[in-house]
PDB file of N, CA and C in Angstrom:
ATOM      1  N   MET A   1      87.105 -10.533 -47.096  1.00  0.00           N
ATOM      2  CA  MET A   1      85.750 -10.116 -47.429  1.00  0.00           C
ATOM      3  C   MET A   1      84.973  -9.930 -46.127  1.00  0.00           C
ATOM      4  N   ASP A   2      84.464  -8.749 -45.916  1.00  0.00           N
ATOM      5  CA  ASP A   2      83.662  -8.453 -44.735  1.00  0.00           C
ATOM      6  C   ASP A   2      82.196  -8.438 -45.159  1.00  0.00           C
ATOM      7  N   ALA A   3      81.514  -9.546 -44.907  1.00  0.00           N
ATOM      8  CA  ALA A   3      80.134  -9.708 -45.362  1.00  0.00           C
ATOM      9  C   ALA A   3      79.215  -8.623 -44.806  1.00  0.00           C
ATOM     10  N   LYS A   4      79.467  -8.184 -43.580  1.00  0.00           N
ATOM     11  CA  LYS A   4      78.619  -7.154 -42.973  1.00  0.00           C
ATOM     12  C   LYS A   4      78.686  -5.858 -43.779  1.00  0.00           C
ATOM     13  N   ASN A   5      79.910  -5.427 -44.133  1.00  0.00           N
ATOM     14  CA  ASN A   5      80.062  -4.202 -44.923  1.00  0.00           C
ATOM     15  C   ASN A   5      79.435  -4.341 -46.303  1.00  0.00           C
ATOM     16  N   ILE A   6      79.637  -5.490 -46.912  1.00  0.00           N
ATOM     17  CA  ILE A   6      79.099  -5.719 -48.252  1.00  0.00           C
ATOM     18  C   ILE A   6      77.577  -5.708 -48.226  1.00  0.00           C
ATOM     19  N   LYS A   7      76.991  -6.381 -47.248  1.00  0.00           N
ATOM     20  CA  LYS A   7      75.516  -6.394 -47.119  1.00  0.00           C
ATOM     21  C   LYS A   7      74.978  -4.984 -46.940  1.00  0.00           C
ATOM     22  N   GLU A   8      75.618  -4.225 -46.069  1.00  0.00           N
ATOM     23  CA  GLU A   8      75.151  -2.867 -45.793  1.00  0.00           C
ATOM     24  C   GLU A   8      75.231  -1.988 -47.043  1.00  0.00           C
ATOM     25  N   LEU A   9      76.360  -2.040 -47.735  1.00  0.00           N
ATOM     26  CA  LEU A   9      76.517  -1.243 -48.953  1.00  0.00           C
ATOM     27  C   LEU A   9      75.507  -1.669 -50.021  1.00  0.00           C
ATOM     28  N   ALA A  10      75.389  -2.975 -50.256  1.00  0.00           N
ATOM     29  CA  ALA A  10      74.496  -3.478 -51.304  1.00  0.00           C
ATOM     30  C   ALA A  10      73.027  -3.193 -50.974  1.00  0.00           C
ATOM     31  N   SER A  11      72.693  -3.194 -49.708  1.00  0.00           N
ATOM     32  CA  SER A  11      71.304  -2.936 -49.300  1.00  0.00           C
ATOM     33  C   SER A  11      70.924  -1.468 -49.437  1.00  0.00           C
ATOM     34  N   ASN A  12      71.885  -0.584 -49.196  1.00  0.00           N
ATOM     35  CA  ASN A  12      71.574   0.841 -49.102  1.00  0.00           C
ATOM     36  C   ASN A  12      71.934   1.679 -50.316  1.00  0.00           C
ATOM     37  N   HIS A  13      72.613   1.071 -51.306  1.00  0.00           N
ATOM     38  CA  HIS A  13      73.055   1.846 -52.466  1.00  0.00           C
ATOM     39  C   HIS A  13      72.795   1.074 -53.756  1.00  0.00           C
ATOM     40  N   SER A  14      72.566   1.809 -54.817  1.00  0.00           N
ATOM     41  CA  SER A  14      72.344   1.189 -56.127  1.00  0.00           C
ATOM     42  C   SER A  14      73.681   0.732 -56.718  1.00  0.00           C
ATOM     43  N   PHE A  15      73.595  -0.108 -57.744  1.00  0.00           N
ATOM     44  CA  PHE A  15      74.782  -0.552 -58.466  1.00  0.00           C
ATOM     45  C   PHE A  15      75.570   0.649 -58.986  1.00  0.00           C
ATOM     46  N   GLU A  16      74.854   1.602 -59.561  1.00  0.00           N
ATOM     47  CA  GLU A  16      75.500   2.795 -60.123  1.00  0.00           C
ATOM     48  C   GLU A  16      76.206   3.608 -59.049  1.00  0.00           C
ATOM     49  N   GLU A  17      75.562   3.760 -57.887  1.00  0.00           N
ATOM     50  CA  GLU A  17      76.191   4.499 -56.789  1.00  0.00           C
ATOM     51  C   GLU A  17      77.478   3.811 -56.336  1.00  0.00           C
ATOM     52  N   LEU A  18      77.424   2.500 -56.228  1.00  0.00           N
ATOM     53  CA  LEU A  18      78.599   1.757 -55.781  1.00  0.00           C
ATOM     54  C   LEU A  18      79.738   1.874 -56.782  1.00  0.00           C
ATOM     55  N   GLN A  19      79.414   1.867 -58.066  1.00  0.00           N
ATOM     56  CA  GLN A  19      80.440   2.063 -59.089  1.00  0.00           C
ATOM     57  C   GLN A  19      81.049   3.463 -58.972  1.00  0.00           C
ATOM     58  N   LYS A  20      80.204   4.456 -58.723  1.00  0.00           N
ATOM     59  CA  LYS A  20      80.697   5.830 -58.549  1.00  0.00           C
ATOM     60  C   LYS A  20      81.579   5.944 -57.308  1.00  0.00           C
ATOM     61  N   PHE A  21      81.202   5.253 -56.226  1.00  0.00           N
ATOM     62  CA  PHE A  21      82.030   5.254 -55.018  1.00  0.00           C
ATOM     63  C   PHE A  21      83.427   4.729 -55.352  1.00  0.00           C
ATOM     64  N   ALA A  22      83.482   3.616 -56.092  1.00  0.00           N
ATOM     65  CA  ALA A  22      84.769   3.019 -56.449  1.00  0.00           C
ATOM     66  C   ALA A  22      85.575   3.967 -57.336  1.00  0.00           C
ATOM     67  N   ASP A  23      84.915   4.583 -58.312  1.00  0.00           N
ATOM     68  CA  ASP A  23      85.601   5.526 -59.202  1.00  0.00           C
ATOM     69  C   ASP A  23      86.139   6.727 -58.431  1.00  0.00           C
ATOM     70  N   THR A  24      85.319   7.280 -57.543  1.00  0.00           N
ATOM     71  CA  THR A  24      85.727   8.431 -56.737  1.00  0.00           C
ATOM     72  C   THR A  24      86.901   8.064 -55.837  1.00  0.00           C
ATOM     73  N   PHE A  25      86.803   6.919 -55.204  1.00  0.00           N
ATOM     74  CA  PHE A  25      87.866   6.485 -54.303  1.00  0.00           C
ATOM     75  C   PHE A  25      89.174   6.271 -55.065  1.00  0.00           C
ATOM     76  N   GLU A  26      89.063   5.689 -56.251  1.00  0.00           N
ATOM     77  CA  GLU A  26      90.256   5.450 -57.065  1.00  0.00           C
ATOM     78  C   GLU A  26      90.915   6.762 -57.509  1.00  0.00           C
ATOM     79  N   SER A  27      90.100   7.727 -57.893  1.00  0.00           N
ATOM     80  CA  SER A  27      90.662   8.970 -58.432  1.00  0.00           C
ATOM     81  C   SER A  27      91.078   9.979 -57.360  1.00  0.00           C
ATOM     82  N   THR A  28      90.400   9.964 -56.205  1.00  0.00           N
ATOM     83  CA  THR A  28      90.696  10.977 -55.185  1.00  0.00           C
ATOM     84  C   THR A  28      91.325  10.416 -53.913  1.00  0.00           C
ATOM     85  N   GLY A  29      91.125   9.127 -53.672  1.00  0.00           N
ATOM     86  CA  GLY A  29      91.597   8.542 -52.419  1.00  0.00           C
ATOM     87  C   GLY A  29      90.668   8.807 -51.254  1.00  0.00           C
ATOM     88  N   ILE A  30      89.545   9.457 -51.523  1.00  0.00           N
ATOM     89  CA  ILE A  30      88.560   9.765 -50.478  1.00  0.00           C
ATOM     90  C   ILE A  30      87.391   8.798 -50.613  1.00  0.00           C
ATOM     91  N   ALA A  31      87.057   8.115 -49.530  1.00  0.00           N
ATOM     92  CA  ALA A  31      85.971   7.135 -49.524  1.00  0.00           C
ATOM     93  C   ALA A  31      84.643   7.844 -49.278  1.00  0.00           C
ATOM     94  N   PRO A  32      83.722   7.800 -50.263  1.00  0.00           N
ATOM     95  CA  PRO A  32      82.412   8.426 -50.057  1.00  0.00           C
ATOM     96  C   PRO A  32      81.639   7.820 -48.880  1.00  0.00           C
ATOM     97  N   VAL A  33      81.753   6.511 -48.717  1.00  0.00           N
ATOM     98  CA  VAL A  33      81.170   5.806 -47.571  1.00  0.00           C
ATOM     99  C   VAL A  33      82.283   4.910 -47.043  1.00  0.00           C
ATOM    100  N   LYS A  34      82.802   5.243 -45.892  1.00  0.00           N
ATOM    101  CA  LYS A  34      83.971   4.530 -45.370  1.00  0.00           C
ATOM    102  C   LYS A  34      83.564   3.236 -44.676  1.00  0.00           C
ATOM    103  N   THR A  35      84.230   2.141 -45.046  1.00  0.00           N
ATOM    104  CA  THR A  35      83.982   0.850 -44.418  1.00  0.00           C
ATOM    105  C   THR A  35      85.244   0.254 -43.809  1.00  0.00           C
ATOM    106  N   SER A  36      86.417   0.796 -44.179  1.00  0.00           N
ATOM    107  CA  SER A  36      87.675   0.213 -43.723  1.00  0.00           C
ATOM    108  C   SER A  36      88.784   1.260 -43.713  1.00  0.00           C
ATOM    109  N   GLU A  37      89.754   1.043 -42.852  1.00  0.00           N
ATOM    110  CA  GLU A  37      90.937   1.911 -42.816  1.00  0.00           C
ATOM    111  C   GLU A  37      91.904   1.538 -43.939  1.00  0.00           C
ATOM    112  N   ASP A  38      91.893   0.287 -44.345  1.00  0.00           N
ATOM    113  CA  ASP A  38      92.806  -0.190 -45.382  1.00  0.00           C
ATOM    114  C   ASP A  38      92.255   0.153 -46.766  1.00  0.00           C
ATOM    115  N   PRO A  39      93.009   0.860 -47.595  1.00  0.00           N
ATOM    116  CA  PRO A  39      92.514   1.249 -48.924  1.00  0.00           C
ATOM    117  C   PRO A  39      92.131   0.062 -49.814  1.00  0.00           C
ATOM    118  N   GLY A  40      92.906  -1.016 -49.745  1.00  0.00           N
ATOM    119  CA  GLY A  40      92.586  -2.194 -50.547  1.00  0.00           C
ATOM    120  C   GLY A  40      91.271  -2.825 -50.120  1.00  0.00           C
ATOM    121  N   ASP A  41      91.054  -2.912 -48.824  1.00  0.00           N
ATOM    122  CA  ASP A  41      89.796  -3.462 -48.310  1.00  0.00           C
ATOM    123  C   ASP A  41      88.620  -2.555 -48.672  1.00  0.00           C
ATOM    124  N   GLN A  42      88.852  -1.249 -48.609  1.00  0.00           N
ATOM    125  CA  GLN A  42      87.797  -0.287 -48.948  1.00  0.00           C
ATOM    126  C   GLN A  42      87.348  -0.485 -50.393  1.00  0.00           C
ATOM    127  N   MET A  43      88.302  -0.546 -51.312  1.00  0.00           N
ATOM    128  CA  MET A  43      87.963  -0.724 -52.724  1.00  0.00           C
ATOM    129  C   MET A  43      87.288  -2.078 -52.942  1.00  0.00           C
ATOM    130  N   SER A  44      87.789  -3.112 -52.286  1.00  0.00           N
ATOM    131  CA  SER A  44      87.177  -4.439 -52.409  1.00  0.00           C
ATOM    132  C   SER A  44      85.731  -4.420 -51.935  1.00  0.00           C
ATOM    133  N   ASP A  45      85.480  -3.730 -50.838  1.00  0.00           N
ATOM    134  CA  ASP A  45      84.103  -3.642 -50.329  1.00  0.00           C
ATOM    135  C   ASP A  45      83.179  -3.011 -51.374  1.00  0.00           C
ATOM    136  N   TYR A  46      83.626  -1.919 -52.001  1.00  0.00           N
ATOM    137  CA  TYR A  46      82.804  -1.263 -53.016  1.00  0.00           C
ATOM    138  C   TYR A  46      82.537  -2.194 -54.199  1.00  0.00           C
ATOM    139  N   LEU A  47      83.597  -2.823 -54.696  1.00  0.00           N
ATOM    140  CA  LEU A  47      83.458  -3.652 -55.891  1.00  0.00           C
ATOM    141  C   LEU A  47      82.645  -4.923 -55.619  1.00  0.00           C
ATOM    142  N   MET A  48      82.851  -5.538 -54.467  1.00  0.00           N
ATOM    143  CA  MET A  48      82.064  -6.729 -54.131  1.00  0.00           C
ATOM    144  C   MET A  48      80.601  -6.361 -53.889  1.00  0.00           C
ATOM    145  N   ALA A  49      80.372  -5.261 -53.221  1.00  0.00           N
ATOM    146  CA  ALA A  49      78.988  -4.834 -52.987  1.00  0.00           C
ATOM    147  C   ALA A  49      78.292  -4.521 -54.309  1.00  0.00           C
ATOM    148  N   ALA A  50      79.020  -3.953 -55.262  1.00  0.00           N
ATOM    149  CA  ALA A  50      78.439  -3.671 -56.582  1.00  0.00           C
ATOM    150  C   ALA A  50      78.031  -4.970 -57.271  1.00  0.00           C
ATOM    151  N   GLU A  51      78.859  -5.993 -57.176  1.00  0.00           N
ATOM    152  CA  GLU A  51      78.523  -7.291 -57.772  1.00  0.00           C
ATOM    153  C   GLU A  51      77.296  -7.900 -57.099  1.00  0.00           C
ATOM    154  N   VAL A  52      77.261  -7.829 -55.775  1.00  0.00           N
ATOM    155  CA  VAL A  52      76.113  -8.366 -55.034  1.00  0.00           C
ATOM    156  C   VAL A  52      74.848  -7.599 -55.431  1.00  0.00           C
ATOM    157  N   ARG A  53      74.947  -6.281 -55.522  1.00  0.00           N
ATOM    158  CA  ARG A  53      73.787  -5.471 -55.903  1.00  0.00           C
ATOM    159  C   ARG A  53      73.317  -5.808 -57.321  1.00  0.00           C
ATOM    160  N   PHE A  54      74.279  -6.056 -58.217  1.00  0.00           N
ATOM    161  CA  PHE A  54      73.947  -6.437 -59.584  1.00  0.00           C
ATOM    162  C   PHE A  54      73.147  -7.741 -59.575  1.00  0.00           C
ATOM    163  N   PHE A  55      73.592  -8.737 -58.794  1.00  0.00           N
ATOM    164  CA  PHE A  55      72.845  -9.996 -58.668  1.00  0.00           C
ATOM    165  C   PHE A  55      71.440  -9.740 -58.144  1.00  0.00           C
ATOM    166  N   MET A  56      71.343  -8.861 -57.152  1.00  0.00           N
ATOM    167  CA  MET A  56      70.035  -8.550 -56.568  1.00  0.00           C
ATOM    168  C   MET A  56      69.094  -7.992 -57.631  1.00  0.00           C
ATOM    169  N   ASP A  57      69.584  -7.027 -58.388  1.00  0.00           N
ATOM    170  CA  ASP A  57      68.749  -6.348 -59.373  1.00  0.00           C
ATOM    171  C   ASP A  57      68.408  -7.238 -60.561  1.00  0.00           C
ATOM    172  N   GLU A  58      69.388  -7.978 -61.065  1.00  0.00           N
ATOM    173  CA  GLU A  58      69.188  -8.800 -62.258  1.00  0.00           C
ATOM    174  C   GLU A  58      68.330 -10.038 -61.999  1.00  0.00           C
ATOM    175  N   ASN A  59      68.466 -10.617 -60.821  1.00  0.00           N
ATOM    176  CA  ASN A  59      67.805 -11.890 -60.522  1.00  0.00           C
ATOM    177  C   ASN A  59      66.703 -11.791 -59.476  1.00  0.00           C
ATOM    178  N   LYS A  60      66.377 -10.560 -59.080  1.00  0.00           N
ATOM    179  CA  LYS A  60      65.332 -10.337 -58.062  1.00  0.00           C
ATOM    180  C   LYS A  60      65.616 -11.137 -56.790  1.00  0.00           C
ATOM    181  N   LEU A  61      66.865 -11.031 -56.306  1.00  0.00           N
ATOM    182  CA  LEU A  61      67.286 -11.756 -55.116  1.00  0.00           C
ATOM    183  C   LEU A  61      67.338 -10.830 -53.912  1.00  0.00           C
ATOM    184  N   THR A  62      67.214 -11.404 -52.718  1.00  0.00           N
ATOM    185  CA  THR A  62      67.451 -10.646 -51.498  1.00  0.00           C
ATOM    186  C   THR A  62      68.954 -10.454 -51.355  1.00  0.00           C
ATOM    187  N   VAL A  63      69.360  -9.569 -50.484  1.00  0.00           N
ATOM    188  CA  VAL A  63      70.788  -9.335 -50.282  1.00  0.00           C
ATOM    189  C   VAL A  63      71.470 -10.618 -49.803  1.00  0.00           C
ATOM    190  N   GLN A  64      70.807 -11.371 -48.941  1.00  0.00           N
ATOM    191  CA  GLN A  64      71.388 -12.615 -48.423  1.00  0.00           C
ATOM    192  C   GLN A  64      71.562 -13.637 -49.544  1.00  0.00           C
ATOM    193  N   GLU A  65      70.547 -13.778 -50.399  1.00  0.00           N
ATOM    194  CA  GLU A  65      70.634 -14.717 -51.523  1.00  0.00           C
ATOM    195  C   GLU A  65      71.731 -14.304 -52.505  1.00  0.00           C
ATOM    196  N   ALA A  66      71.805 -13.011 -52.792  1.00  0.00           N
ATOM    197  CA  ALA A  66      72.812 -12.518 -53.723  1.00  0.00           C
ATOM    198  C   ALA A  66      74.220 -12.695 -53.152  1.00  0.00           C
ATOM    199  N   LEU A  67      74.391 -12.460 -51.866  1.00  0.00           N
ATOM    200  CA  LEU A  67      75.695 -12.643 -51.233  1.00  0.00           C
ATOM    201  C   LEU A  67      76.096 -14.118 -51.276  1.00  0.00           C
ATOM    202  N   ARG A  68      75.141 -14.999 -51.069  1.00  0.00           N
ATOM    203  CA  ARG A  68      75.410 -16.438 -51.139  1.00  0.00           C
ATOM    204  C   ARG A  68      75.880 -16.823 -52.548  1.00  0.00           C
ATOM    205  N   GLU A  69      75.188 -16.323 -53.577  1.00  0.00           N
ATOM    206  CA  GLU A  69      75.572 -16.614 -54.961  1.00  0.00           C
ATOM    207  C   GLU A  69      76.951 -16.047 -55.284  1.00  0.00           C
ATOM    208  N   PHE A  70      77.215 -14.849 -54.830  1.00  0.00           N
ATOM    209  CA  PHE A  70      78.519 -14.232 -55.050  1.00  0.00           C
ATOM    210  C   PHE A  70      79.611 -15.063 -54.384  1.00  0.00           C
ATOM    211  N   SER A  71      79.369 -15.498 -53.158  1.00  0.00           N
ATOM    212  CA  SER A  71      80.342 -16.307 -52.427  1.00  0.00           C
ATOM    213  C   SER A  71      80.616 -17.629 -53.141  1.00  0.00           C
ATOM    214  N   LYS A  72      79.594 -18.237 -53.701  1.00  0.00           N
ATOM    215  CA  LYS A  72      79.776 -19.475 -54.476  1.00  0.00           C
ATOM    216  C   LYS A  72      80.687 -19.228 -55.667  1.00  0.00           C
ATOM    217  N   ARG A  73      80.488 -18.107 -56.362  1.00  0.00           N
ATOM    218  CA  ARG A  73      81.329 -17.782 -57.509  1.00  0.00           C
ATOM    219  C   ARG A  73      82.783 -17.581 -57.084  1.00  0.00           C
ATOM    220  N   VAL A  74      82.980 -16.878 -55.986  1.00  0.00           N
ATOM    221  CA  VAL A  74      84.339 -16.633 -55.499  1.00  0.00           C
ATOM    222  C   VAL A  74      85.009 -17.956 -55.132  1.00  0.00           C
ATOM    223  N   ARG A  75      84.297 -18.808 -54.424  1.00  0.00           N
ATOM    224  CA  ARG A  75      84.868 -20.108 -54.039  1.00  0.00           C
ATOM    225  C   ARG A  75      85.194 -20.941 -55.272  1.00  0.00           C
ATOM    226  N   GLY A  76      84.350 -20.859 -56.302  1.00  0.00           N
ATOM    227  CA  GLY A  76      84.600 -21.588 -57.548  1.00  0.00           C
ATOM    228  C   GLY A  76      85.877 -21.153 -58.225  1.00  0.00           C
ATOM    229  N   VAL A  77      86.160 -19.871 -58.181  1.00  0.00           N
ATOM    230  CA  VAL A  77      87.379 -19.328 -58.790  1.00  0.00           C
ATOM    231  C   VAL A  77      88.604 -19.759 -57.986  1.00  0.00           C
ATOM    232  N   LEU A  78      88.466 -19.851 -56.677  1.00  0.00           N
ATOM    233  CA  LEU A  78      89.602 -20.170 -55.817  1.00  0.00           C
ATOM    234  C   LEU A  78      89.961 -21.643 -55.814  1.00  0.00           C
ATOM    235  N   LYS A  79      89.099 -22.490 -56.330  1.00  0.00           N
ATOM    236  CA  LYS A  79      89.385 -23.947 -56.336  1.00  0.00           C
ATOM    237  C   LYS A  79      90.463 -24.281 -57.319  1.00  0.00           C
TER     238      LYS A  79
END
């Protein structure tokens, strides 16, 4: 997880845009906004940023607060 890429994507794009980026990348292999050379990392960046953006919009959180909440959820799953 590259927090810098996720913050940038979540700050600059809507949830819907991020979902479209992931769909486009999946269907064409072309990254609308490139964050990584690795295709798996690229898709992960889009999907994680979409989740962070969703937290921001639903809970009126800053990008930093939403990223913190997302990270807590991920750590909870990994335990």
